[in-house]
Amino acid sequence: MVTIGVRGRFPAPVLFVLGGVSMYVGAALAVGLFDRLSPAAVAVLRLVGAAVVLLAWRRPPAAAWRGVRLRGAAAFGLATGLMNVAFYEAVARLPLGTAVAIEFCGPVAVAALASRRPRDVAAVVLAAAGVLLIADVRWSGSPAGVLLALAAAVMWAAYIVLGKRVASAGNGFDDLAVGFAVAAVVLSPLLFLRGAAGLAPLAEPVVLVLAVGVGVLSSVVPYVLDQVVLRRVGRARFAVLLALLPATATVVGLVALGQVPGPTEALGIAAVVAAVALRSRDGDPVAAPRSHPG
């Protein structure tokens, strides 16, 4: 399989950068949809697009749709879907930097709780400081926006914990497809937040194409790479590696939008890179693949 070659040839930080680039190119497409659809609707369409592509690619067996395996995949898919919905709605109310910084409380908390050594704690502190510097946090948003960003943080933490379980079970890609399909169905009522009139843009082919593009770039590619990495590393290292995402977003902004980082942002990027290098010196034991009861 292609993923086996990817897992063996590329270190985790490289996979995270590739996933981050894909994610933020997808985010650029999503911004173009905000004028036509609600942020929650865009998040659901992103989920639907990802589910369709994954189901067509993986075609999960019948065992993936029942029992404990289905419940685990559904929980993972719902956590992922709710994370995206909450974050898109938060970005509609808060400055992007503020929303990102608040949301990152989730993975930082996972890393802190899973740490057992001083090096881990130092890496978490460096990562948290770097993200705060990059985000240039401003607490000037609406209370609803702050609460939505905090909800996204909680869901991001759940995504890490549940994603590790799905990946360790040895059926990560199939369960990812099942989880996204279940979440797409459960969250589909969010498409009607603006009533029937709010769904009119869905009749435009360009909107549907953009929705599938957002799903592939922002969900399929980065989350598949996450599953590859989660089978190799522990939750603490995974959460610290997530700090590469804001740094990657800064680079994408520089290349694609001409947004030159200032001294504070540059210092934040350096702190994030130092945190990843510090935590990556020791590998976490690889979780042996095992059959998931179903």
C-alpha atoms as a PDB file:
ATOM      1  CA  MET A   1       0.000   0.000   0.000  1.00  0.00           C
ATOM      2  CA  VAL A   2       1.030   3.605  -0.641  1.00  0.00           C
ATOM      3  CA  THR A   3       0.600   4.482   3.017  1.00  0.00           C
ATOM      4  CA  ILE A   4       3.130   1.850   4.058  1.00  0.00           C
ATOM      5  CA  GLY A   5       5.746   3.466   1.833  1.00  0.00           C
ATOM      6  CA  VAL A   6       4.867   6.911   3.150  1.00  0.00           C
ATOM      7  CA  ARG A   7       5.073   5.680   6.731  1.00  0.00           C
ATOM      8  CA  GLY A   8       8.509   4.220   6.191  1.00  0.00           C
ATOM      9  CA  ARG A   9      10.114   6.962   4.090  1.00  0.00           C
ATOM     10  CA  PHE A  10       9.031  10.220   5.705  1.00  0.00           C
ATOM     11  CA  PRO A  11       9.449  11.342   9.344  1.00  0.00           C
ATOM     12  CA  ALA A  12       6.371  12.509  11.220  1.00  0.00           C
ATOM     13  CA  PRO A  13       7.202  16.261  11.051  1.00  0.00           C
ATOM     14  CA  VAL A  14       7.426  16.082   7.236  1.00  0.00           C
ATOM     15  CA  LEU A  15       4.036  14.367   7.049  1.00  0.00           C
ATOM     16  CA  PHE A  16       2.576  17.053   9.278  1.00  0.00           C
ATOM     17  CA  VAL A  17       3.903  19.821   7.036  1.00  0.00           C
ATOM     18  CA  LEU A  18       2.426  18.126   3.967  1.00  0.00           C
ATOM     19  CA  GLY A  19      -0.901  17.708   5.743  1.00  0.00           C
ATOM     20  CA  GLY A  20      -0.805  21.310   6.962  1.00  0.00           C
ATOM     21  CA  VAL A  21      -0.183  22.697   3.472  1.00  0.00           C
ATOM     22  CA  SER A  22      -3.124  20.692   2.155  1.00  0.00           C
ATOM     23  CA  MET A  23      -5.316  21.806   5.068  1.00  0.00           C
ATOM     24  CA  TYR A  24      -4.687  25.509   4.575  1.00  0.00           C
ATOM     25  CA  VAL A  25      -5.089  25.406   0.811  1.00  0.00           C
ATOM     26  CA  GLY A  26      -8.462  23.811   1.571  1.00  0.00           C
ATOM     27  CA  ALA A  27      -9.169  26.586   4.079  1.00  0.00           C
ATOM     28  CA  ALA A  28      -8.597  29.150   1.331  1.00  0.00           C
ATOM     29  CA  LEU A  29     -11.270  27.407  -0.730  1.00  0.00           C
ATOM     30  CA  ALA A  30     -13.609  27.358   2.282  1.00  0.00           C
ATOM     31  CA  VAL A  31     -13.325  31.120   2.705  1.00  0.00           C
ATOM     32  CA  GLY A  32     -14.689  31.480  -0.810  1.00  0.00           C
ATOM     33  CA  LEU A  33     -17.792  29.551   0.273  1.00  0.00           C
ATOM     34  CA  PHE A  34     -18.571  31.684   3.335  1.00  0.00           C
ATOM     35  CA  ASP A  35     -20.265  34.288   1.111  1.00  0.00           C
ATOM     36  CA  ARG A  36     -22.754  31.699  -0.121  1.00  0.00           C
ATOM     37  CA  LEU A  37     -23.281  29.375   2.858  1.00  0.00           C
ATOM     38  CA  SER A  38     -23.153  29.507   6.649  1.00  0.00           C
ATOM     39  CA  PRO A  39     -19.852  28.453   8.252  1.00  0.00           C
ATOM     40  CA  ALA A  40     -21.562  25.397   9.765  1.00  0.00           C
ATOM     41  CA  ALA A  41     -22.935  24.400   6.358  1.00  0.00           C
ATOM     42  CA  VAL A  42     -19.463  24.710   4.828  1.00  0.00           C
ATOM     43  CA  ALA A  43     -18.086  22.479   7.602  1.00  0.00           C
ATOM     44  CA  VAL A  44     -20.786  19.860   6.944  1.00  0.00           C
ATOM     45  CA  LEU A  45     -20.163  19.964   3.200  1.00  0.00           C
ATOM     46  CA  ARG A  46     -16.467  19.508   3.910  1.00  0.00           C
ATOM     47  CA  LEU A  47     -17.378  16.416   5.922  1.00  0.00           C
ATOM     48  CA  VAL A  48     -19.720  15.093   3.227  1.00  0.00           C
ATOM     49  CA  GLY A  49     -17.109  15.584   0.530  1.00  0.00           C
ATOM     50  CA  ALA A  50     -14.489  13.784   2.601  1.00  0.00           C
ATOM     51  CA  ALA A  51     -16.885  10.922   3.415  1.00  0.00           C
ATOM     52  CA  VAL A  52     -17.811  10.385  -0.244  1.00  0.00           C
ATOM     53  CA  VAL A  53     -14.170  10.266  -1.342  1.00  0.00           C
ATOM     54  CA  LEU A  54     -13.103   7.959   1.506  1.00  0.00           C
ATOM     55  CA  LEU A  55     -16.024   5.566   1.007  1.00  0.00           C
ATOM     56  CA  ALA A  56     -15.307   5.336  -2.719  1.00  0.00           C
ATOM     57  CA  TRP A  57     -11.627   4.719  -2.007  1.00  0.00           C
ATOM     58  CA  ARG A  58     -11.836   2.291   0.928  1.00  0.00           C
ATOM     59  CA  ARG A  59     -15.246   0.580   0.562  1.00  0.00           C
ATOM     60  CA  PRO A  60     -15.271  -0.525   4.223  1.00  0.00           C
ATOM     61  CA  PRO A  61     -16.360  -4.140   4.845  1.00  0.00           C
ATOM     62  CA  ALA A  62     -19.594  -5.035   6.629  1.00  0.00           C
ATOM     63  CA  ALA A  63     -17.693  -5.590   9.889  1.00  0.00           C
ATOM     64  CA  ALA A  64     -16.841  -1.888   9.985  1.00  0.00           C
ATOM     65  CA  TRP A  65     -20.534  -0.954  10.180  1.00  0.00           C
ATOM     66  CA  ARG A  66     -21.517  -2.779  13.357  1.00  0.00           C
ATOM     67  CA  GLY A  67     -20.655  -3.376  16.999  1.00  0.00           C
ATOM     68  CA  VAL A  68     -17.864  -1.782  18.978  1.00  0.00           C
ATOM     69  CA  ARG A  69     -15.965  -0.896  15.848  1.00  0.00           C
ATOM     70  CA  LEU A  70     -18.857   1.184  14.504  1.00  0.00           C
ATOM     71  CA  ARG A  71     -19.278   2.978  17.836  1.00  0.00           C
ATOM     72  CA  GLY A  72     -15.592   3.860  17.973  1.00  0.00           C
ATOM     73  CA  ALA A  73     -15.551   5.121  14.394  1.00  0.00           C
ATOM     74  CA  ALA A  74     -18.752   7.113  14.928  1.00  0.00           C
ATOM     75  CA  ALA A  75     -17.380   8.794  18.059  1.00  0.00           C
ATOM     76  CA  PHE A  76     -14.191   9.712  16.205  1.00  0.00           C
ATOM     77  CA  GLY A  77     -16.129  11.024  13.197  1.00  0.00           C
ATOM     78  CA  LEU A  78     -18.487  13.114  15.325  1.00  0.00           C
ATOM     79  CA  ALA A  79     -15.605  14.619  17.289  1.00  0.00           C
ATOM     80  CA  THR A  80     -13.936  15.568  14.009  1.00  0.00           C
ATOM     81  CA  GLY A  81     -17.117  16.995  12.506  1.00  0.00           C
ATOM     82  CA  LEU A  82     -18.034  19.011  15.593  1.00  0.00           C
ATOM     83  CA  MET A  83     -14.470  20.328  15.797  1.00  0.00           C
ATOM     84  CA  ASN A  84     -14.746  21.664  12.247  1.00  0.00           C
ATOM     85  CA  VAL A  85     -18.211  23.153  12.783  1.00  0.00           C
ATOM     86  CA  ALA A  86     -17.222  24.896  16.009  1.00  0.00           C
ATOM     87  CA  PHE A  87     -13.998  26.246  14.520  1.00  0.00           C
ATOM     88  CA  TYR A  88     -15.637  27.615  11.355  1.00  0.00           C
ATOM     89  CA  GLU A  89     -18.339  29.296  13.452  1.00  0.00           C
ATOM     90  CA  ALA A  90     -15.686  30.724  15.813  1.00  0.00           C
ATOM     91  CA  VAL A  91     -13.691  32.152  12.897  1.00  0.00           C
ATOM     92  CA  ALA A  92     -16.868  33.892  11.733  1.00  0.00           C
ATOM     93  CA  ARG A  93     -16.975  35.766  15.085  1.00  0.00           C
ATOM     94  CA  LEU A  94     -13.331  36.084  16.184  1.00  0.00           C
ATOM     95  CA  PRO A  95     -10.046  37.097  14.589  1.00  0.00           C
ATOM     96  CA  LEU A  96      -8.456  33.984  13.116  1.00  0.00           C
ATOM     97  CA  GLY A  97      -5.383  34.285  15.350  1.00  0.00           C
ATOM     98  CA  THR A  98      -7.503  34.376  18.495  1.00  0.00           C
ATOM     99  CA  ALA A  99      -9.589  31.378  17.420  1.00  0.00           C
ATOM    100  CA  VAL A 100      -6.495  29.333  16.558  1.00  0.00           C
ATOM    101  CA  ALA A 101      -4.821  30.123  19.877  1.00  0.00           C
ATOM    102  CA  ILE A 102      -7.903  29.192  21.906  1.00  0.00           C
ATOM    103  CA  GLU A 103      -8.493  26.010  19.908  1.00  0.00           C
ATOM    104  CA  PHE A 104      -4.909  24.910  20.462  1.00  0.00           C
ATOM    105  CA  CYS A 105      -5.626  24.626  24.201  1.00  0.00           C
ATOM    106  CA  GLY A 106      -7.068  21.186  23.362  1.00  0.00           C
ATOM    107  CA  PRO A 107      -3.975  19.450  21.969  1.00  0.00           C
ATOM    108  CA  VAL A 108      -1.711  21.245  24.446  1.00  0.00           C
ATOM    109  CA  ALA A 109      -3.826  19.862  27.298  1.00  0.00           C
ATOM    110  CA  VAL A 110      -3.564  16.335  25.835  1.00  0.00           C
ATOM    111  CA  ALA A 111       0.207  16.654  25.590  1.00  0.00           C
ATOM    112  CA  ALA A 112       0.505  17.974  29.147  1.00  0.00           C
ATOM    113  CA  LEU A 113      -1.672  15.227  30.636  1.00  0.00           C
ATOM    114  CA  ALA A 114       0.197  12.495  28.738  1.00  0.00           C
ATOM    115  CA  SER A 115       3.670  13.775  29.644  1.00  0.00           C
ATOM    116  CA  ARG A 116       5.860  11.922  32.108  1.00  0.00           C
ATOM    117  CA  ARG A 117       9.299  13.547  31.666  1.00  0.00           C
ATOM    118  CA  PRO A 118      10.709  17.073  32.059  1.00  0.00           C
ATOM    119  CA  ARG A 119      11.608  17.091  28.355  1.00  0.00           C
ATOM    120  CA  ASP A 120       7.944  16.540  27.483  1.00  0.00           C
ATOM    121  CA  VAL A 121       6.845  19.406  29.709  1.00  0.00           C
ATOM    122  CA  ALA A 122       9.478  21.714  28.212  1.00  0.00           C
ATOM    123  CA  ALA A 123       8.361  20.801  24.699  1.00  0.00           C
ATOM    124  CA  VAL A 124       4.729  21.528  25.559  1.00  0.00           C
ATOM    125  CA  VAL A 125       5.651  24.898  27.066  1.00  0.00           C
ATOM    126  CA  LEU A 126       7.695  25.811  23.985  1.00  0.00           C
ATOM    127  CA  ALA A 127       4.890  24.732  21.650  1.00  0.00           C
ATOM    128  CA  ALA A 128       2.251  26.654  23.597  1.00  0.00           C
ATOM    129  CA  ALA A 129       4.410  29.782  23.693  1.00  0.00           C
ATOM    130  CA  GLY A 130       5.144  29.503  19.988  1.00  0.00           C
ATOM    131  CA  VAL A 131       1.496  29.134  19.040  1.00  0.00           C
ATOM    132  CA  LEU A 132       0.503  32.105  21.190  1.00  0.00           C
ATOM    133  CA  LEU A 133       3.197  34.239  19.578  1.00  0.00           C
ATOM    134  CA  ILE A 134       2.167  33.205  16.070  1.00  0.00           C
ATOM    135  CA  ALA A 135      -1.524  33.715  16.761  1.00  0.00           C
ATOM    136  CA  ASP A 136      -1.061  37.175  18.310  1.00  0.00           C
ATOM    137  CA  VAL A 137      -3.937  36.484  20.662  1.00  0.00           C
ATOM    138  CA  ARG A 138      -6.505  39.222  21.111  1.00  0.00           C
ATOM    139  CA  TRP A 139      -9.350  38.721  23.542  1.00  0.00           C
ATOM    140  CA  SER A 140     -11.636  41.171  21.743  1.00  0.00           C
ATOM    141  CA  GLY A 141     -14.107  38.767  20.204  1.00  0.00           C
ATOM    142  CA  SER A 142     -17.664  37.998  21.179  1.00  0.00           C
ATOM    143  CA  PRO A 143     -18.431  35.683  24.111  1.00  0.00           C
ATOM    144  CA  ALA A 144     -20.157  33.297  21.687  1.00  0.00           C
ATOM    145  CA  GLY A 145     -17.027  33.186  19.562  1.00  0.00           C
ATOM    146  CA  VAL A 146     -14.840  32.392  22.567  1.00  0.00           C
ATOM    147  CA  LEU A 147     -17.193  29.610  23.676  1.00  0.00           C
ATOM    148  CA  LEU A 148     -17.237  28.138  20.168  1.00  0.00           C
ATOM    149  CA  ALA A 149     -13.437  28.219  19.992  1.00  0.00           C
ATOM    150  CA  LEU A 150     -13.258  26.483  23.373  1.00  0.00           C
ATOM    151  CA  ALA A 151     -15.704  23.872  22.092  1.00  0.00           C
ATOM    152  CA  ALA A 152     -13.404  23.340  19.115  1.00  0.00           C
ATOM    153  CA  ALA A 153     -10.503  22.902  21.548  1.00  0.00           C
ATOM    154  CA  VAL A 154     -12.388  20.199  23.459  1.00  0.00           C
ATOM    155  CA  MET A 155     -13.277  18.422  20.216  1.00  0.00           C
ATOM    156  CA  TRP A 156      -9.666  18.651  19.014  1.00  0.00           C
ATOM    157  CA  ALA A 157      -8.530  16.934  22.211  1.00  0.00           C
ATOM    158  CA  ALA A 158     -11.183  14.256  21.666  1.00  0.00           C
ATOM    159  CA  TYR A 159     -10.016  13.861  18.063  1.00  0.00           C
ATOM    160  CA  ILE A 160      -6.483  13.068  19.256  1.00  0.00           C
ATOM    161  CA  VAL A 161      -7.571  10.567  21.903  1.00  0.00           C
ATOM    162  CA  LEU A 162     -10.187   8.810  19.757  1.00  0.00           C
ATOM    163  CA  GLY A 163      -8.008   8.965  16.648  1.00  0.00           C
ATOM    164  CA  LYS A 164      -5.216   7.150  18.444  1.00  0.00           C
ATOM    165  CA  ARG A 165      -7.601   4.359  19.384  1.00  0.00           C
ATOM    166  CA  VAL A 166      -8.883   4.029  15.825  1.00  0.00           C
ATOM    167  CA  ALA A 167      -5.358   4.042  14.393  1.00  0.00           C
ATOM    168  CA  SER A 168      -4.047   1.507  16.911  1.00  0.00           C
ATOM    169  CA  ALA A 169      -6.867  -0.899  16.068  1.00  0.00           C
ATOM    170  CA  GLY A 170      -5.307  -1.442  12.650  1.00  0.00           C
ATOM    171  CA  ASN A 171      -8.350  -0.363  10.621  1.00  0.00           C
ATOM    172  CA  GLY A 172      -7.733   3.377  10.642  1.00  0.00           C
ATOM    173  CA  PHE A 173      -8.582   4.256   7.037  1.00  0.00           C
ATOM    174  CA  ASP A 174     -11.736   2.132   6.861  1.00  0.00           C
ATOM    175  CA  ASP A 175     -12.958   3.417  10.226  1.00  0.00           C
ATOM    176  CA  LEU A 176     -12.137   6.972   9.147  1.00  0.00           C
ATOM    177  CA  ALA A 177     -14.469   6.529   6.166  1.00  0.00           C
ATOM    178  CA  VAL A 178     -17.218   5.043   8.354  1.00  0.00           C
ATOM    179  CA  GLY A 179     -16.836   7.722  11.019  1.00  0.00           C
ATOM    180  CA  PHE A 180     -17.042  10.555   8.502  1.00  0.00           C
ATOM    181  CA  ALA A 181     -20.111   8.982   6.874  1.00  0.00           C
ATOM    182  CA  VAL A 182     -21.918   8.678  10.227  1.00  0.00           C
ATOM    183  CA  ALA A 183     -20.980  12.234  11.217  1.00  0.00           C
ATOM    184  CA  ALA A 184     -22.120  13.600   7.853  1.00  0.00           C
ATOM    185  CA  VAL A 185     -25.566  12.062   8.371  1.00  0.00           C
ATOM    186  CA  VAL A 186     -25.897  13.138  12.027  1.00  0.00           C
ATOM    187  CA  LEU A 187     -24.757  16.720  11.355  1.00  0.00           C
ATOM    188  CA  SER A 188     -26.649  17.178   8.069  1.00  0.00           C
ATOM    189  CA  PRO A 189     -29.476  19.196   9.750  1.00  0.00           C
ATOM    190  CA  LEU A 190     -26.937  22.027  10.171  1.00  0.00           C
ATOM    191  CA  LEU A 191     -27.301  22.609   6.443  1.00  0.00           C
ATOM    192  CA  PHE A 192     -30.751  24.025   7.162  1.00  0.00           C
ATOM    193  CA  LEU A 193     -29.690  26.694   9.689  1.00  0.00           C
ATOM    194  CA  ARG A 194     -30.646  29.429   7.214  1.00  0.00           C
ATOM    195  CA  GLY A 195     -33.749  27.628   5.989  1.00  0.00           C
ATOM    196  CA  ALA A 196     -34.443  26.290   2.525  1.00  0.00           C
ATOM    197  CA  ALA A 197     -33.249  29.540   0.934  1.00  0.00           C
ATOM    198  CA  GLY A 198     -29.844  28.990   2.476  1.00  0.00           C
ATOM    199  CA  LEU A 199     -29.457  25.788   0.442  1.00  0.00           C
ATOM    200  CA  ALA A 200     -29.981  27.529  -2.911  1.00  0.00           C
ATOM    201  CA  PRO A 201     -26.214  27.862  -3.547  1.00  0.00           C
ATOM    202  CA  LEU A 202     -25.949  24.063  -3.502  1.00  0.00           C
ATOM    203  CA  ALA A 203     -27.572  24.109  -6.940  1.00  0.00           C
ATOM    204  CA  GLU A 204     -24.473  25.856  -8.307  1.00  0.00           C
ATOM    205  CA  PRO A 205     -21.946  23.336  -9.689  1.00  0.00           C
ATOM    206  CA  VAL A 206     -19.023  25.527  -8.616  1.00  0.00           C
ATOM    207  CA  VAL A 207     -20.193  25.369  -4.992  1.00  0.00           C
ATOM    208  CA  LEU A 208     -20.361  21.570  -5.073  1.00  0.00           C
ATOM    209  CA  VAL A 209     -16.937  21.341  -6.699  1.00  0.00           C
ATOM    210  CA  LEU A 210     -15.458  23.673  -4.079  1.00  0.00           C
ATOM    211  CA  ALA A 211     -17.120  21.658  -1.303  1.00  0.00           C
ATOM    212  CA  VAL A 212     -15.553  18.418  -2.549  1.00  0.00           C
ATOM    213  CA  GLY A 213     -12.219  20.198  -2.930  1.00  0.00           C
ATOM    214  CA  VAL A 214     -12.407  21.489   0.641  1.00  0.00           C
ATOM    215  CA  GLY A 215     -13.275  17.985   1.864  1.00  0.00           C
ATOM    216  CA  VAL A 216     -10.347  16.369   0.073  1.00  0.00           C
ATOM    217  CA  LEU A 217      -7.729  19.015   0.871  1.00  0.00           C
ATOM    218  CA  SER A 218      -8.819  19.895   4.418  1.00  0.00           C
ATOM    219  CA  SER A 219     -10.007  16.481   5.627  1.00  0.00           C
ATOM    220  CA  VAL A 220      -9.014  13.494   3.497  1.00  0.00           C
ATOM    221  CA  VAL A 221      -5.337  14.299   2.937  1.00  0.00           C
ATOM    222  CA  PRO A 222      -4.435  15.641   6.418  1.00  0.00           C
ATOM    223  CA  TYR A 223      -6.530  13.116   8.366  1.00  0.00           C
ATOM    224  CA  VAL A 224      -5.187  10.162   6.369  1.00  0.00           C
ATOM    225  CA  LEU A 225      -1.670  11.401   7.130  1.00  0.00           C
ATOM    226  CA  ASP A 226      -2.722  11.733  10.789  1.00  0.00           C
ATOM    227  CA  GLN A 227      -3.688   8.068  10.809  1.00  0.00           C
ATOM    228  CA  VAL A 228      -0.274   7.145   9.402  1.00  0.00           C
ATOM    229  CA  VAL A 229       1.478   9.146  12.116  1.00  0.00           C
ATOM    230  CA  LEU A 230      -0.822   8.062  14.961  1.00  0.00           C
ATOM    231  CA  ARG A 231       0.150   4.431  14.392  1.00  0.00           C
ATOM    232  CA  ARG A 232       3.782   5.389  15.042  1.00  0.00           C
ATOM    233  CA  VAL A 233       3.722   7.880  17.897  1.00  0.00           C
ATOM    234  CA  GLY A 234       2.078   8.467  21.267  1.00  0.00           C
ATOM    235  CA  ARG A 235      -0.577  11.075  21.972  1.00  0.00           C
ATOM    236  CA  ALA A 236       1.855  13.475  23.637  1.00  0.00           C
ATOM    237  CA  ARG A 237       4.207  13.631  20.672  1.00  0.00           C
ATOM    238  CA  PHE A 238       1.269  13.847  18.260  1.00  0.00           C
ATOM    239  CA  ALA A 239      -0.191  16.806  20.141  1.00  0.00           C
ATOM    240  CA  VAL A 240       3.153  18.621  20.115  1.00  0.00           C
ATOM    241  CA  LEU A 241       3.579  17.939  16.403  1.00  0.00           C
ATOM    242  CA  LEU A 242       0.229  19.622  15.839  1.00  0.00           C
ATOM    243  CA  ALA A 243       2.011  22.857  16.737  1.00  0.00           C
ATOM    244  CA  LEU A 244       3.510  22.688  13.240  1.00  0.00           C
ATOM    245  CA  LEU A 245       0.098  23.625  11.822  1.00  0.00           C
ATOM    246  CA  PRO A 246       0.181  27.337  12.783  1.00  0.00           C
ATOM    247  CA  ALA A 247       3.776  27.554  11.556  1.00  0.00           C
ATOM    248  CA  THR A 248       2.748  25.944   8.267  1.00  0.00           C
ATOM    249  CA  ALA A 249      -0.181  28.358   7.991  1.00  0.00           C
ATOM    250  CA  THR A 250       2.248  31.266   8.362  1.00  0.00           C
ATOM    251  CA  VAL A 251       4.412  29.939   5.528  1.00  0.00           C
ATOM    252  CA  VAL A 252       1.365  29.338   3.304  1.00  0.00           C
ATOM    253  CA  GLY A 253       0.215  32.892   4.053  1.00  0.00           C
ATOM    254  CA  LEU A 254       3.628  34.221   3.057  1.00  0.00           C
ATOM    255  CA  VAL A 255       3.780  32.289  -0.225  1.00  0.00           C
ATOM    256  CA  ALA A 256       0.133  32.462  -1.298  1.00  0.00           C
ATOM    257  CA  LEU A 257      -1.040  35.767   0.203  1.00  0.00           C
ATOM    258  CA  GLY A 258       2.159  37.780   0.641  1.00  0.00           C
ATOM    259  CA  GLN A 259       1.664  37.998   4.413  1.00  0.00           C
ATOM    260  CA  VAL A 260       5.151  38.627   5.776  1.00  0.00           C
ATOM    261  CA  PRO A 261       5.528  37.454   9.411  1.00  0.00           C
ATOM    262  CA  GLY A 262       6.794  40.051  11.868  1.00  0.00           C
ATOM    263  CA  PRO A 263       9.497  39.508  14.481  1.00  0.00           C
ATOM    264  CA  THR A 264       7.011  38.108  17.014  1.00  0.00           C
ATOM    265  CA  GLU A 265       5.641  35.563  14.541  1.00  0.00           C
ATOM    266  CA  ALA A 266       9.162  34.572  13.495  1.00  0.00           C
ATOM    267  CA  LEU A 267      10.043  33.991  17.148  1.00  0.00           C
ATOM    268  CA  GLY A 268       6.909  31.861  17.524  1.00  0.00           C
ATOM    269  CA  ILE A 269       7.840  29.712  14.537  1.00  0.00           C
ATOM    270  CA  ALA A 270      11.308  29.179  16.019  1.00  0.00           C
ATOM    271  CA  ALA A 271       9.766  28.124  19.356  1.00  0.00           C
ATOM    272  CA  VAL A 272       7.454  25.643  17.618  1.00  0.00           C
ATOM    273  CA  VAL A 273      10.319  24.107  15.627  1.00  0.00           C
ATOM    274  CA  ALA A 274      12.389  23.832  18.834  1.00  0.00           C
ATOM    275  CA  ALA A 275       9.506  22.098  20.613  1.00  0.00           C
ATOM    276  CA  VAL A 276       9.098  19.548  17.826  1.00  0.00           C
ATOM    277  CA  ALA A 277      12.839  18.866  17.713  1.00  0.00           C
ATOM    278  CA  LEU A 278      13.008  18.497  21.495  1.00  0.00           C
ATOM    279  CA  ARG A 279      10.076  16.082  21.743  1.00  0.00           C
ATOM    280  CA  SER A 280      11.092  14.112  18.632  1.00  0.00           C
ATOM    281  CA  ARG A 281      14.420  12.975  20.048  1.00  0.00           C
ATOM    282  CA  ASP A 282      12.734  10.058  21.787  1.00  0.00           C
ATOM    283  CA  GLY A 283      10.238   7.976  19.852  1.00  0.00           C
ATOM    284  CA  ASP A 284       7.139   6.696  21.526  1.00  0.00           C
ATOM    285  CA  PRO A 285       6.630   2.957  21.457  1.00  0.00           C
ATOM    286  CA  VAL A 286       4.717   1.887  18.399  1.00  0.00           C
ATOM    287  CA  ALA A 287       1.303   0.487  19.227  1.00  0.00           C
ATOM    288  CA  ALA A 288       1.074  -3.003  17.769  1.00  0.00           C
ATOM    289  CA  PRO A 289      -1.841  -3.293  15.340  1.00  0.00           C
ATOM    290  CA  ARG A 290      -4.585  -5.483  16.685  1.00  0.00           C
ATOM    291  CA  SER A 291      -7.963  -6.587  15.476  1.00  0.00           C
ATOM    292  CA  HIS A 292     -10.837  -4.455  16.709  1.00  0.00           C
ATOM    293  CA  PRO A 293     -13.650  -6.539  18.174  1.00  0.00           C
ATOM    294  CA  GLY A 294     -16.807  -6.124  16.139  1.00  0.00           C
END
